[in-house]
């Protein structure tokens, strides 16, 4: 399934997006979790500043 996602992102305007992986501390357990999200290249820094 990942191959289909990657292949679809390489066509046309898919290259204007970046996959952002952010490490966040869970409020319940205190353990770190990773949040993944597709963000437009212009808004990557804004997303990471949150």
N, C-alpha and C. Protein backbone atom coordinates (compact mmCIF):
# COMPACT_ATOMS: atom_id res chain seq x y z
N UNK A 1 0.81 -1.19 0.00
CA UNK A 1 0.00 0.00 0.00
C UNK A 1 0.86 1.25 0.00
N UNK A 2 1.99 1.21 0.64
CA UNK A 2 2.87 2.37 0.67
C UNK A 2 3.39 2.70 -0.73
N UNK A 3 3.58 1.68 -1.54
CA UNK A 3 4.08 1.92 -2.89
C UNK A 3 3.08 2.75 -3.69
N UNK A 4 1.80 2.48 -3.51
CA UNK A 4 0.79 3.25 -4.23
C UNK A 4 0.79 4.70 -3.78
N UNK A 5 0.96 4.95 -2.49
CA UNK A 5 1.00 6.31 -1.97
C UNK A 5 2.19 7.07 -2.53
N UNK A 6 3.36 6.45 -2.48
CA UNK A 6 4.57 7.10 -2.97
C UNK A 6 4.47 7.36 -4.46
N UNK A 7 3.96 6.39 -5.20
CA UNK A 7 3.84 6.54 -6.65
C UNK A 7 2.88 7.67 -7.00
N UNK A 8 1.79 7.79 -6.26
CA UNK A 8 0.83 8.85 -6.58
C UNK A 8 1.37 10.23 -6.21
N UNK A 9 2.27 10.31 -5.24
CA UNK A 9 2.83 11.60 -4.85
C UNK A 9 3.87 12.10 -5.84
N UNK A 10 4.43 11.22 -6.65
CA UNK A 10 5.47 11.63 -7.58
C UNK A 10 4.90 12.16 -8.89
N UNK A 11 3.60 12.12 -9.07
CA UNK A 11 2.99 12.59 -10.30
C UNK A 11 2.42 13.99 -10.09
N UNK A 12 2.61 14.86 -11.04
CA UNK A 12 1.98 16.17 -11.03
C UNK A 12 2.33 17.02 -9.83
N UNK A 13 1.32 17.48 -9.11
CA UNK A 13 1.54 18.41 -8.02
C UNK A 13 1.81 17.72 -6.69
N UNK A 14 1.97 16.43 -6.68
CA UNK A 14 2.27 15.72 -5.46
C UNK A 14 3.61 16.10 -4.86
N UNK A 15 4.49 16.60 -5.66
CA UNK A 15 5.82 16.97 -5.18
C UNK A 15 5.80 18.28 -4.38
N UNK A 16 4.68 18.92 -4.31
CA UNK A 16 4.59 20.16 -3.55
C UNK A 16 4.26 19.88 -2.09
N UNK A 17 4.16 18.61 -1.73
CA UNK A 17 3.85 18.24 -0.35
C UNK A 17 5.02 17.48 0.26
N UNK A 18 5.16 17.62 1.58
CA UNK A 18 6.22 16.91 2.31
C UNK A 18 5.58 16.12 3.45
N UNK A 19 6.15 14.97 3.74
CA UNK A 19 5.67 14.18 4.87
C UNK A 19 6.44 14.64 6.11
N UNK A 20 5.71 15.17 7.09
CA UNK A 20 6.32 15.70 8.30
C UNK A 20 6.07 14.72 9.43
N UNK A 21 7.14 14.31 10.10
CA UNK A 21 7.04 13.42 11.25
C UNK A 21 7.49 14.21 12.47
N UNK A 22 6.59 14.33 13.43
CA UNK A 22 6.84 15.14 14.61
C UNK A 22 6.76 14.27 15.86
N UNK A 23 7.74 14.40 16.76
CA UNK A 23 7.73 13.64 18.00
C UNK A 23 7.03 14.47 19.08
N UNK A 24 5.99 13.88 19.69
CA UNK A 24 5.17 14.59 20.67
C UNK A 24 5.06 13.73 21.92
N UNK A 25 5.09 14.37 23.08
CA UNK A 25 4.95 13.65 24.34
C UNK A 25 3.47 13.44 24.64
N UNK A 26 3.08 12.21 24.90
CA UNK A 26 1.70 11.87 25.19
C UNK A 26 1.30 12.39 26.57
N UNK A 27 0.18 13.09 26.67
CA UNK A 27 -0.23 13.60 27.98
C UNK A 27 -0.69 12.50 28.94
N UNK A 28 -1.18 11.38 28.42
CA UNK A 28 -1.66 10.28 29.27
C UNK A 28 -0.53 9.49 29.89
N UNK A 29 0.38 8.99 29.05
CA UNK A 29 1.40 8.06 29.52
C UNK A 29 2.76 8.72 29.74
N UNK A 30 2.99 9.86 29.12
CA UNK A 30 4.29 10.52 29.23
C UNK A 30 5.30 9.99 28.24
N UNK A 31 4.91 8.97 27.46
CA UNK A 31 5.80 8.41 26.45
C UNK A 31 5.75 9.27 25.18
N UNK A 32 6.77 9.18 24.39
CA UNK A 32 6.80 9.94 23.14
C UNK A 32 6.12 9.15 22.03
N UNK A 33 5.35 9.84 21.21
CA UNK A 33 4.70 9.24 20.06
C UNK A 33 5.06 10.06 18.83
N UNK A 34 4.92 9.46 17.68
CA UNK A 34 5.24 10.13 16.43
C UNK A 34 3.96 10.42 15.66
N UNK A 35 3.80 11.68 15.25
CA UNK A 35 2.65 12.08 14.44
C UNK A 35 3.15 12.34 13.02
N UNK A 36 2.51 11.70 12.06
CA UNK A 36 2.87 11.87 10.66
C UNK A 36 1.75 12.61 9.94
N UNK A 37 2.14 13.55 9.08
CA UNK A 37 1.14 14.32 8.35
C UNK A 37 1.74 14.82 7.05
N UNK A 38 0.90 14.90 6.02
CA UNK A 38 1.31 15.47 4.75
C UNK A 38 1.01 16.97 4.78
N UNK A 39 2.05 17.79 4.57
CA UNK A 39 1.91 19.24 4.66
C UNK A 39 2.48 19.86 3.40
N UNK A 40 1.85 20.94 2.96
CA UNK A 40 2.34 21.67 1.78
C UNK A 40 3.72 22.24 2.09
N UNK A 41 4.60 22.27 1.11
CA UNK A 41 5.98 22.72 1.32
C UNK A 41 6.06 24.13 1.89
N UNK A 42 5.11 24.99 1.55
CA UNK A 42 5.14 26.36 2.06
C UNK A 42 4.82 26.45 3.54
N UNK A 43 4.17 25.44 4.09
CA UNK A 43 3.69 25.51 5.47
C UNK A 43 4.40 24.54 6.42
N UNK A 44 5.53 23.99 6.01
CA UNK A 44 6.24 23.02 6.84
C UNK A 44 6.75 23.67 8.12
N UNK A 45 7.39 24.82 8.01
CA UNK A 45 7.94 25.49 9.19
C UNK A 45 6.84 25.91 10.16
N UNK A 46 5.71 26.34 9.63
CA UNK A 46 4.58 26.73 10.49
C UNK A 46 4.05 25.52 11.25
N UNK A 47 4.00 24.39 10.57
CA UNK A 47 3.48 23.16 11.21
C UNK A 47 4.41 22.69 12.32
N UNK A 48 5.70 22.77 12.10
CA UNK A 48 6.66 22.33 13.11
C UNK A 48 6.77 23.30 14.29
N UNK A 49 6.39 24.55 14.09
CA UNK A 49 6.47 25.54 15.16
C UNK A 49 5.36 25.37 16.19
N UNK A 50 4.31 24.62 15.86
CA UNK A 50 3.18 24.43 16.79
C UNK A 50 3.61 23.70 18.04
